[in-house]
PDB file of all heavy atoms in Angstrom:
ATOM      1  N   PHE A   1       0.838  -1.212   0.000  1.00  0.00           N
ATOM      2  CA  PHE A   1       0.000   0.000   0.000  1.00  0.00           C
ATOM      3  C   PHE A   1       0.867   1.254   0.000  1.00  0.00           C
ATOM      4  O   PHE A   1       0.637   2.194  -0.777  1.00  0.00           O
ATOM      5  CB  PHE A   1      -0.926  -0.010   1.222  1.00  0.00           C
ATOM      6  CG  PHE A   1      -1.658   1.287   1.432  1.00  0.00           C
ATOM      7  CD1 PHE A   1      -2.784   1.595   0.677  1.00  0.00           C
ATOM      8  CD2 PHE A   1      -1.202   2.220   2.372  1.00  0.00           C
ATOM      9  CE1 PHE A   1      -3.447   2.799   0.860  1.00  0.00           C
ATOM     10  CE2 PHE A   1      -1.863   3.416   2.553  1.00  0.00           C
ATOM     11  CZ  PHE A   1      -2.997   3.701   1.800  1.00  0.00           C
ATOM     12  N   VAL A   2       1.860   1.278   0.896  1.00  0.00           N
ATOM     13  CA  VAL A   2       2.733   2.448   0.994  1.00  0.00           C
ATOM     14  C   VAL A   2       3.505   2.654  -0.301  1.00  0.00           C
ATOM     15  O   VAL A   2       3.649   3.777  -0.783  1.00  0.00           O
ATOM     16  CB  VAL A   2       3.710   2.300   2.187  1.00  0.00           C
ATOM     17  CG1 VAL A   2       4.761   3.415   2.167  1.00  0.00           C
ATOM     18  CG2 VAL A   2       2.946   2.333   3.499  1.00  0.00           C
ATOM     19  N   TYR A   3       3.976   1.551  -0.889  1.00  0.00           N
ATOM     20  CA  TYR A   3       4.759   1.668  -2.121  1.00  0.00           C
ATOM     21  C   TYR A   3       3.898   2.210  -3.259  1.00  0.00           C
ATOM     22  O   TYR A   3       4.343   3.073  -4.026  1.00  0.00           O
ATOM     23  CB  TYR A   3       5.329   0.307  -2.495  1.00  0.00           C
ATOM     24  CG  TYR A   3       6.261   0.355  -3.695  1.00  0.00           C
ATOM     25  CD1 TYR A   3       7.568   0.805  -3.557  1.00  0.00           C
ATOM     26  CD2 TYR A   3       5.804  -0.002  -4.971  1.00  0.00           C
ATOM     27  CE1 TYR A   3       8.414   0.890  -4.652  1.00  0.00           C
ATOM     28  CE2 TYR A   3       6.637   0.078  -6.071  1.00  0.00           C
ATOM     29  CZ  TYR A   3       7.947   0.524  -5.904  1.00  0.00           C
ATOM     30  OH  TYR A   3       8.776   0.597  -6.997  1.00  0.00           O
ATOM     31  N   GLN A   4       2.660   1.712  -3.372  1.00  0.00           N
ATOM     32  CA  GLN A   4       1.773   2.152  -4.448  1.00  0.00           C
ATOM     33  C   GLN A   4       1.345   3.607  -4.266  1.00  0.00           C
ATOM     34  O   GLN A   4       1.157   4.336  -5.244  1.00  0.00           O
ATOM     35  CB  GLN A   4       0.535   1.251  -4.519  1.00  0.00           C
ATOM     36  CG  GLN A   4       0.831  -0.151  -5.031  1.00  0.00           C
ATOM     37  CD  GLN A   4      -0.399  -1.033  -5.031  1.00  0.00           C
ATOM     38  OE1 GLN A   4      -1.435  -0.688  -4.473  1.00  0.00           O
ATOM     39  NE2 GLN A   4      -0.280  -2.205  -5.668  1.00  0.00           N
ATOM     40  N   LYS A   5       1.171   4.032  -3.004  1.00  0.00           N
ATOM     41  CA  LYS A   5       0.708   5.392  -2.723  1.00  0.00           C
ATOM     42  C   LYS A   5       1.870   6.316  -2.305  1.00  0.00           C
ATOM     43  O   LYS A   5       1.657   7.376  -1.721  1.00  0.00           O
ATOM     44  CB  LYS A   5      -0.314   5.366  -1.581  1.00  0.00           C
ATOM     45  CG  LYS A   5      -1.528   4.480  -1.834  1.00  0.00           C
ATOM     46  CD  LYS A   5      -2.392   5.036  -2.957  1.00  0.00           C
ATOM     47  CE  LYS A   5      -3.653   4.192  -3.133  1.00  0.00           C
ATOM     48  NZ  LYS A   5      -4.511   4.715  -4.230  1.00  0.00           N
ATOM     49  N   ARG A   6       3.080   5.905  -2.662  1.00  0.00           N
ATOM     50  CA  ARG A   6       4.250   6.611  -2.163  1.00  0.00           C
ATOM     51  C   ARG A   6       4.272   8.094  -2.547  1.00  0.00           C
ATOM     52  O   ARG A   6       4.636   8.947  -1.736  1.00  0.00           O
ATOM     53  CB  ARG A   6       5.529   5.921  -2.639  1.00  0.00           C
ATOM     54  CG  ARG A   6       5.705   5.848  -4.154  1.00  0.00           C
ATOM     55  CD  ARG A   6       6.883   4.953  -4.517  1.00  0.00           C
ATOM     56  NE  ARG A   6       7.124   4.884  -5.955  1.00  0.00           N
ATOM     57  CZ  ARG A   6       6.461   4.105  -6.793  1.00  0.00           C
ATOM     58  NH1 ARG A   6       5.505   3.305  -6.308  1.00  0.00           N
ATOM     59  NH2 ARG A   6       6.735   4.097  -8.081  1.00  0.00           N
ATOM     60  N   ASN A   7       3.896   8.405  -3.774  1.00  0.00           N
ATOM     61  CA  ASN A   7       3.917   9.807  -4.196  1.00  0.00           C
ATOM     62  C   ASN A   7       2.881  10.632  -3.440  1.00  0.00           C
ATOM     63  O   ASN A   7       3.172  11.738  -2.955  1.00  0.00           O
ATOM     64  CB  ASN A   7       3.678   9.916  -5.702  1.00  0.00           C
ATOM     65  CG  ASN A   7       4.866   9.414  -6.502  1.00  0.00           C
ATOM     66  OD1 ASN A   7       5.995   9.403  -6.017  1.00  0.00           O
ATOM     67  ND2 ASN A   7       4.622   8.970  -7.723  1.00  0.00           N
ATOM     68  N   LEU A   8       1.665  10.090  -3.334  1.00  0.00           N
ATOM     69  CA  LEU A   8       0.611  10.796  -2.601  1.00  0.00           C
ATOM     70  C   LEU A   8       1.006  11.000  -1.135  1.00  0.00           C
ATOM     71  O   LEU A   8       0.880  12.101  -0.592  1.00  0.00           O
ATOM     72  CB  LEU A   8      -0.698  10.009  -2.678  1.00  0.00           C
ATOM     73  CG  LEU A   8      -1.869  10.562  -1.840  1.00  0.00           C
ATOM     74  CD1 LEU A   8      -2.240  11.956  -2.316  1.00  0.00           C
ATOM     75  CD2 LEU A   8      -3.069   9.615  -1.910  1.00  0.00           C
ATOM     76  N   LEU A   9       1.497   9.935  -0.515  1.00  0.00           N
ATOM     77  CA  LEU A   9       1.886  10.027   0.895  1.00  0.00           C
ATOM     78  C   LEU A   9       3.045  11.001   1.111  1.00  0.00           C
ATOM     79  O   LEU A   9       3.090  11.714   2.116  1.00  0.00           O
ATOM     80  CB  LEU A   9       2.280   8.635   1.412  1.00  0.00           C
ATOM     81  CG  LEU A   9       1.143   7.618   1.532  1.00  0.00           C
ATOM     82  CD1 LEU A   9       1.691   6.245   1.886  1.00  0.00           C
ATOM     83  CD2 LEU A   9       0.120   8.072   2.551  1.00  0.00           C
ATOM     84  N   SER A  10       3.965  11.034   0.170  1.00  0.00           N
ATOM     85  CA  SER A  10       5.100  11.964   0.315  1.00  0.00           C
ATOM     86  C   SER A  10       4.633  13.412   0.228  1.00  0.00           C
ATOM     87  O   SER A  10       5.122  14.278   0.950  1.00  0.00           O
ATOM     88  CB  SER A  10       6.163  11.677  -0.757  1.00  0.00           C
ATOM     89  OG  SER A  10       5.663  11.933  -2.059  1.00  0.00           O
ATOM     90  N   TYR A  11       3.641  13.684  -0.664  1.00  0.00           N
ATOM     91  CA  TYR A  11       3.119  15.048  -0.768  1.00  0.00           C
ATOM     92  C   TYR A  11       2.309  15.438   0.467  1.00  0.00           C
ATOM     93  O   TYR A  11       2.338  16.601   0.895  1.00  0.00           O
ATOM     94  CB  TYR A  11       2.262  15.198  -2.028  1.00  0.00           C
ATOM     95  CG  TYR A  11       3.085  15.279  -3.294  1.00  0.00           C
ATOM     96  CD1 TYR A  11       2.940  14.327  -4.309  1.00  0.00           C
ATOM     97  CD2 TYR A  11       4.009  16.307  -3.488  1.00  0.00           C
ATOM     98  CE1 TYR A  11       3.696  14.376  -5.470  1.00  0.00           C
ATOM     99  CE2 TYR A  11       4.778  16.382  -4.655  1.00  0.00           C
ATOM    100  CZ  TYR A  11       4.619  15.405  -5.630  1.00  0.00           C
ATOM    101  OH  TYR A  11       5.379  15.467  -6.776  1.00  0.00           O
ATOM    102  N   VAL A  12       1.588  14.480   1.029  1.00  0.00           N
ATOM    103  CA  VAL A  12       0.865  14.737   2.279  1.00  0.00           C
ATOM    104  C   VAL A  12       1.857  15.072   3.397  1.00  0.00           C
ATOM    105  O   VAL A  12       1.651  15.996   4.179  1.00  0.00           O
ATOM    106  CB  VAL A  12       0.003  13.518   2.675  1.00  0.00           C
ATOM    107  CG1 VAL A  12      -0.553  13.692   4.087  1.00  0.00           C
ATOM    108  CG2 VAL A  12      -1.132  13.332   1.681  1.00  0.00           C
ATOM    109  N   TRP A  13       2.933  14.317   3.450  1.00  0.00           N
ATOM    110  CA  TRP A  13       3.979  14.568   4.440  1.00  0.00           C
ATOM    111  C   TRP A  13       4.601  15.950   4.246  1.00  0.00           C
ATOM    112  O   TRP A  13       4.814  16.688   5.207  1.00  0.00           O
ATOM    113  CB  TRP A  13       5.052  13.482   4.347  1.00  0.00           C
ATOM    114  CG  TRP A  13       6.366  13.807   5.003  1.00  0.00           C
ATOM    115  CD1 TRP A  13       7.550  14.032   4.395  1.00  0.00           C
ATOM    116  CD2 TRP A  13       6.614  13.958   6.408  1.00  0.00           C
ATOM    117  NE1 TRP A  13       8.534  14.304   5.317  1.00  0.00           N
ATOM    118  CE2 TRP A  13       7.978  14.265   6.567  1.00  0.00           C
ATOM    119  CE3 TRP A  13       5.814  13.862   7.538  1.00  0.00           C
ATOM    120  CZ2 TRP A  13       8.567  14.483   7.802  1.00  0.00           C
ATOM    121  CZ3 TRP A  13       6.400  14.077   8.785  1.00  0.00           C
ATOM    122  CH2 TRP A  13       7.756  14.372   8.907  1.00  0.00           C
ATOM    123  N   LEU A  14       4.876  16.313   2.985  1.00  0.00           N
ATOM    124  CA  LEU A  14       5.461  17.623   2.697  1.00  0.00           C
ATOM    125  C   LEU A  14       4.512  18.739   3.112  1.00  0.00           C
ATOM    126  O   LEU A  14       4.944  19.745   3.694  1.00  0.00           O
ATOM    127  CB  LEU A  14       5.791  17.730   1.207  1.00  0.00           C
ATOM    128  CG  LEU A  14       6.451  19.043   0.758  1.00  0.00           C
ATOM    129  CD1 LEU A  14       7.803  19.226   1.438  1.00  0.00           C
ATOM    130  CD2 LEU A  14       6.607  19.080  -0.756  1.00  0.00           C
ATOM    131  N   ALA A  15       3.227  18.566   2.827  1.00  0.00           N
ATOM    132  CA  ALA A  15       2.233  19.575   3.205  1.00  0.00           C
ATOM    133  C   ALA A  15       2.192  19.741   4.733  1.00  0.00           C
ATOM    134  O   ALA A  15       2.118  20.865   5.250  1.00  0.00           O
ATOM    135  CB  ALA A  15       0.857  19.190   2.678  1.00  0.00           C
ATOM    136  N   PHE A  16       2.232  18.603   5.436  1.00  0.00           N
ATOM    137  CA  PHE A  16       2.246  18.657   6.897  1.00  0.00           C
ATOM    138  C   PHE A  16       3.467  19.423   7.399  1.00  0.00           C
ATOM    139  O   PHE A  16       3.369  20.244   8.321  1.00  0.00           O
ATOM    140  CB  PHE A  16       2.253  17.232   7.477  1.00  0.00           C
ATOM    141  CG  PHE A  16       2.589  17.185   8.941  1.00  0.00           C
ATOM    142  CD1 PHE A  16       1.639  17.509   9.898  1.00  0.00           C
ATOM    143  CD2 PHE A  16       3.869  16.831   9.366  1.00  0.00           C
ATOM    144  CE1 PHE A  16       1.962  17.489  11.253  1.00  0.00           C
ATOM    145  CE2 PHE A  16       4.193  16.803  10.716  1.00  0.00           C
ATOM    146  CZ  PHE A  16       3.226  17.127  11.655  1.00  0.00           C
ATOM    147  N   CYS A  17       4.625  19.169   6.808  1.00  0.00           N
ATOM    148  CA  CYS A  17       5.866  19.840   7.229  1.00  0.00           C
ATOM    149  C   CYS A  17       5.806  21.335   6.972  1.00  0.00           C
ATOM    150  O   CYS A  17       6.295  22.138   7.780  1.00  0.00           O
ATOM    151  CB  CYS A  17       7.071  19.213   6.514  1.00  0.00           C
ATOM    152  SG  CYS A  17       7.419  17.527   7.034  1.00  0.00           S
ATOM    153  N   ILE A  18       5.215  21.729   5.847  1.00  0.00           N
ATOM    154  CA  ILE A  18       5.085  23.157   5.528  1.00  0.00           C
ATOM    155  C   ILE A  18       4.215  23.849   6.571  1.00  0.00           C
ATOM    156  O   ILE A  18       4.544  24.940   7.059  1.00  0.00           O
ATOM    157  CB  ILE A  18       4.508  23.345   4.113  1.00  0.00           C
ATOM    158  CG1 ILE A  18       5.520  22.877   3.062  1.00  0.00           C
ATOM    159  CG2 ILE A  18       4.121  24.797   3.872  1.00  0.00           C
ATOM    160  CD1 ILE A  18       4.984  22.857   1.649  1.00  0.00           C
ATOM    161  N   VAL A  19       3.099  23.230   6.916  1.00  0.00           N
ATOM    162  CA  VAL A  19       2.206  23.791   7.935  1.00  0.00           C
ATOM    163  C   VAL A  19       2.925  23.864   9.290  1.00  0.00           C
ATOM    164  O   VAL A  19       2.821  24.862  10.014  1.00  0.00           O
ATOM    165  CB  VAL A  19       0.912  22.950   8.054  1.00  0.00           C
ATOM    166  CG1 VAL A  19       0.070  23.434   9.241  1.00  0.00           C
ATOM    167  CG2 VAL A  19       0.114  23.019   6.770  1.00  0.00           C
ATOM    168  N   PHE A  20       3.670  22.805   9.610  1.00  0.00           N
ATOM    169  CA  PHE A  20       4.416  22.775  10.878  1.00  0.00           C
ATOM    170  C   PHE A  20       5.403  23.929  10.944  1.00  0.00           C
ATOM    171  O   PHE A  20       5.486  24.637  11.957  1.00  0.00           O
ATOM    172  CB  PHE A  20       5.142  21.444  11.018  1.00  0.00           C
ATOM    173  CG  PHE A  20       6.033  21.357  12.230  1.00  0.00           C
ATOM    174  CD1 PHE A  20       5.506  21.034  13.466  1.00  0.00           C
ATOM    175  CD2 PHE A  20       7.400  21.617  12.134  1.00  0.00           C
ATOM    176  CE1 PHE A  20       6.325  20.961  14.591  1.00  0.00           C
ATOM    177  CE2 PHE A  20       8.220  21.553  13.248  1.00  0.00           C
ATOM    178  CZ  PHE A  20       7.675  21.225  14.481  1.00  0.00           C
ATOM    179  N   VAL A  21       6.171  24.128   9.867  1.00  0.00           N
ATOM    180  CA  VAL A  21       7.156  25.216   9.824  1.00  0.00           C
ATOM    181  C   VAL A  21       6.467  26.568   9.953  1.00  0.00           C
ATOM    182  O   VAL A  21       6.943  27.462  10.656  1.00  0.00           O
ATOM    183  CB  VAL A  21       7.985  25.151   8.531  1.00  0.00           C
ATOM    184  CG1 VAL A  21       8.846  26.403   8.369  1.00  0.00           C
ATOM    185  CG2 VAL A  21       8.860  23.911   8.509  1.00  0.00           C
ATOM    186  N   PHE A  22       5.338  26.725   9.288  1.00  0.00           N
ATOM    187  CA  PHE A  22       4.599  27.995   9.300  1.00  0.00           C
ATOM    188  C   PHE A  22       4.264  28.404  10.731  1.00  0.00           C
ATOM    189  O   PHE A  22       4.440  29.558  11.116  1.00  0.00           O
ATOM    190  CB  PHE A  22       3.332  27.861   8.472  1.00  0.00           C
ATOM    191  CG  PHE A  22       2.586  29.149   8.282  1.00  0.00           C
ATOM    192  CD1 PHE A  22       2.907  30.015   7.243  1.00  0.00           C
ATOM    193  CD2 PHE A  22       1.574  29.516   9.165  1.00  0.00           C
ATOM    194  CE1 PHE A  22       2.224  31.213   7.079  1.00  0.00           C
ATOM    195  CE2 PHE A  22       0.888  30.712   9.007  1.00  0.00           C
ATOM    196  CZ  PHE A  22       1.217  31.558   7.960  1.00  0.00           C
ATOM    197  N   PHE A  23       3.768  27.447  11.514  1.00  0.00           N
ATOM    198  CA  PHE A  23       3.363  27.769  12.883  1.00  0.00           C
ATOM    199  C   PHE A  23       4.557  27.746  13.852  1.00  0.00           C
ATOM    200  O   PHE A  23       4.639  28.583  14.759  1.00  0.00           O
ATOM    201  CB  PHE A  23       2.283  26.793  13.358  1.00  0.00           C
ATOM    202  CG  PHE A  23       0.939  27.043  12.722  1.00  0.00           C
ATOM    203  CD1 PHE A  23       0.502  26.272  11.661  1.00  0.00           C
ATOM    204  CD2 PHE A  23       0.134  28.071  13.177  1.00  0.00           C
ATOM    205  CE1 PHE A  23      -0.732  26.514  11.066  1.00  0.00           C
ATOM    206  CE2 PHE A  23      -1.102  28.326  12.592  1.00  0.00           C
ATOM    207  CZ  PHE A  23      -1.537  27.546  11.537  1.00  0.00           C
ATOM    208  N   LYS A  24       5.465  26.804  13.667  1.00  0.00           N
ATOM    209  CA  LYS A  24       6.613  26.693  14.568  1.00  0.00           C
ATOM    210  C   LYS A  24       7.498  27.932  14.493  1.00  0.00           C
ATOM    211  O   LYS A  24       7.982  28.443  15.515  1.00  0.00           O
ATOM    212  CB  LYS A  24       7.431  25.445  14.219  1.00  0.00           C
ATOM    213  CG  LYS A  24       8.545  25.110  15.207  1.00  0.00           C
ATOM    214  CD  LYS A  24       7.998  24.557  16.501  1.00  0.00           C
ATOM    215  CE  LYS A  24       9.093  24.059  17.422  1.00  0.00           C
ATOM    216  NZ  LYS A  24       8.571  23.522  18.688  1.00  0.00           N
ATOM    217  N   MET A  25       7.720  28.426  13.280  1.00  0.00           N
ATOM    218  CA  MET A  25       8.589  29.578  13.080  1.00  0.00           C
ATOM    219  C   MET A  25       7.825  30.902  13.124  1.00  0.00           C
ATOM    220  O   MET A  25       8.409  31.963  12.939  1.00  0.00           O
ATOM    221  CB  MET A  25       9.310  29.455  11.723  1.00  0.00           C
ATOM    222  CG  MET A  25      10.249  28.276  11.612  1.00  0.00           C
ATOM    223  SD  MET A  25      11.747  28.506  12.573  1.00  0.00           S
ATOM    224  CE  MET A  25      12.510  29.864  11.702  1.00  0.00           C
ATOM    225  N   ASN A  26       6.518  30.814  13.375  1.00  0.00           N
ATOM    226  CA  ASN A  26       5.697  32.027  13.431  1.00  0.00           C
ATOM    227  C   ASN A  26       5.867  32.864  12.166  1.00  0.00           C
ATOM    228  O   ASN A  26       6.106  34.072  12.209  1.00  0.00           O
ATOM    229  CB  ASN A  26       6.073  32.860  14.661  1.00  0.00           C
ATOM    230  CG  ASN A  26       4.879  33.594  15.229  1.00  0.00           C
ATOM    231  OD1 ASN A  26       3.837  33.672  14.584  1.00  0.00           O
ATOM    232  ND2 ASN A  26       5.032  34.141  16.408  1.00  0.00           N
ATOM    233  N   VAL A  27       5.764  32.171  11.019  1.00  0.00           N
ATOM    234  CA  VAL A  27       6.018  32.802   9.728  1.00  0.00           C
ATOM    235  C   VAL A  27       5.057  33.956   9.472  1.00  0.00           C
ATOM    236  O   VAL A  27       5.431  34.967   8.858  1.00  0.00           O
ATOM    237  CB  VAL A  27       5.933  31.760   8.594  1.00  0.00           C
ATOM    238  CG1 VAL A  27       6.051  32.420   7.234  1.00  0.00           C
ATOM    239  CG2 VAL A  27       7.030  30.709   8.766  1.00  0.00           C
ATOM    240  N   TRP A  28       3.823  33.837   9.950  1.00  0.00           N
ATOM    241  CA  TRP A  28       2.851  34.902   9.704  1.00  0.00           C
ATOM    242  C   TRP A  28       3.322  36.219  10.310  1.00  0.00           C
ATOM    243  O   TRP A  28       3.185  37.276   9.697  1.00  0.00           O
ATOM    244  CB  TRP A  28       1.488  34.521  10.267  1.00  0.00           C
ATOM    245  CG  TRP A  28       0.457  35.595  10.035  1.00  0.00           C
ATOM    246  CD1 TRP A  28      -0.115  36.418  10.953  1.00  0.00           C
ATOM    247  CD2 TRP A  28      -0.074  35.996   8.756  1.00  0.00           C
ATOM    248  NE1 TRP A  28      -0.973  37.298  10.354  1.00  0.00           N
ATOM    249  CE2 TRP A  28      -0.979  37.067   8.997  1.00  0.00           C
ATOM    250  CE3 TRP A  28       0.116  35.558   7.449  1.00  0.00           C
ATOM    251  CZ2 TRP A  28      -1.681  37.689   7.981  1.00  0.00           C
ATOM    252  CZ3 TRP A  28      -0.587  36.191   6.429  1.00  0.00           C
ATOM    253  CH2 TRP A  28      -1.475  37.231   6.693  1.00  0.00           C
ATOM    254  N   ASN A  29       3.904  36.147  11.508  1.00  0.00           N
ATOM    255  CA  ASN A  29       4.430  37.367  12.130  1.00  0.00           C
ATOM    256  C   ASN A  29       5.574  37.945  11.317  1.00  0.00           C
ATOM    257  O   ASN A  29       5.702  39.158  11.168  1.00  0.00           O
ATOM    258  CB  ASN A  29       4.914  37.079  13.548  1.00  0.00           C
ATOM    259  CG  ASN A  29       3.787  37.143  14.564  1.00  0.00           C
ATOM    260  OD1 ASN A  29       2.687  37.520  14.217  1.00  0.00           O
ATOM    261  ND2 ASN A  29       4.056  36.756  15.791  1.00  0.00           N
ATOM    262  N   MET A  30       6.433  37.059  10.775  1.00  0.00           N
ATOM    263  CA  MET A  30       7.544  37.537   9.939  1.00  0.00           C
ATOM    264  C   MET A  30       7.013  38.248   8.697  1.00  0.00           C
ATOM    265  O   MET A  30       7.531  39.293   8.298  1.00  0.00           O
ATOM    266  CB  MET A  30       8.434  36.364   9.526  1.00  0.00           C
ATOM    267  CG  MET A  30       9.259  35.770  10.647  1.00  0.00           C
ATOM    268  SD  MET A  30      10.473  34.591  10.005  1.00  0.00           S
ATOM    269  CE  MET A  30      11.050  33.851  11.525  1.00  0.00           C
ATOM    270  N   ILE A  31       5.968  37.667   8.094  1.00  0.00           N
ATOM    271  CA  ILE A  31       5.381  38.289   6.902  1.00  0.00           C
ATOM    272  C   ILE A  31       4.776  39.632   7.256  1.00  0.00           C
ATOM    273  O   ILE A  31       4.946  40.632   6.550  1.00  0.00           O
ATOM    274  CB  ILE A  31       4.318  37.356   6.287  1.00  0.00           C
ATOM    275  CG1 ILE A  31       4.968  36.082   5.752  1.00  0.00           C
ATOM    276  CG2 ILE A  31       3.557  38.067   5.176  1.00  0.00           C
ATOM    277  CD1 ILE A  31       3.985  35.018   5.307  1.00  0.00           C
TER     278      ILE A  31
END
């Protein structure tokens, strides 16, 4: 399952990391 959905799962993971960085680094305040 993971191998077949590897691209989708990797993009979901990337999206999660982007959101995490946004809040962890308080990017909105920087902007």
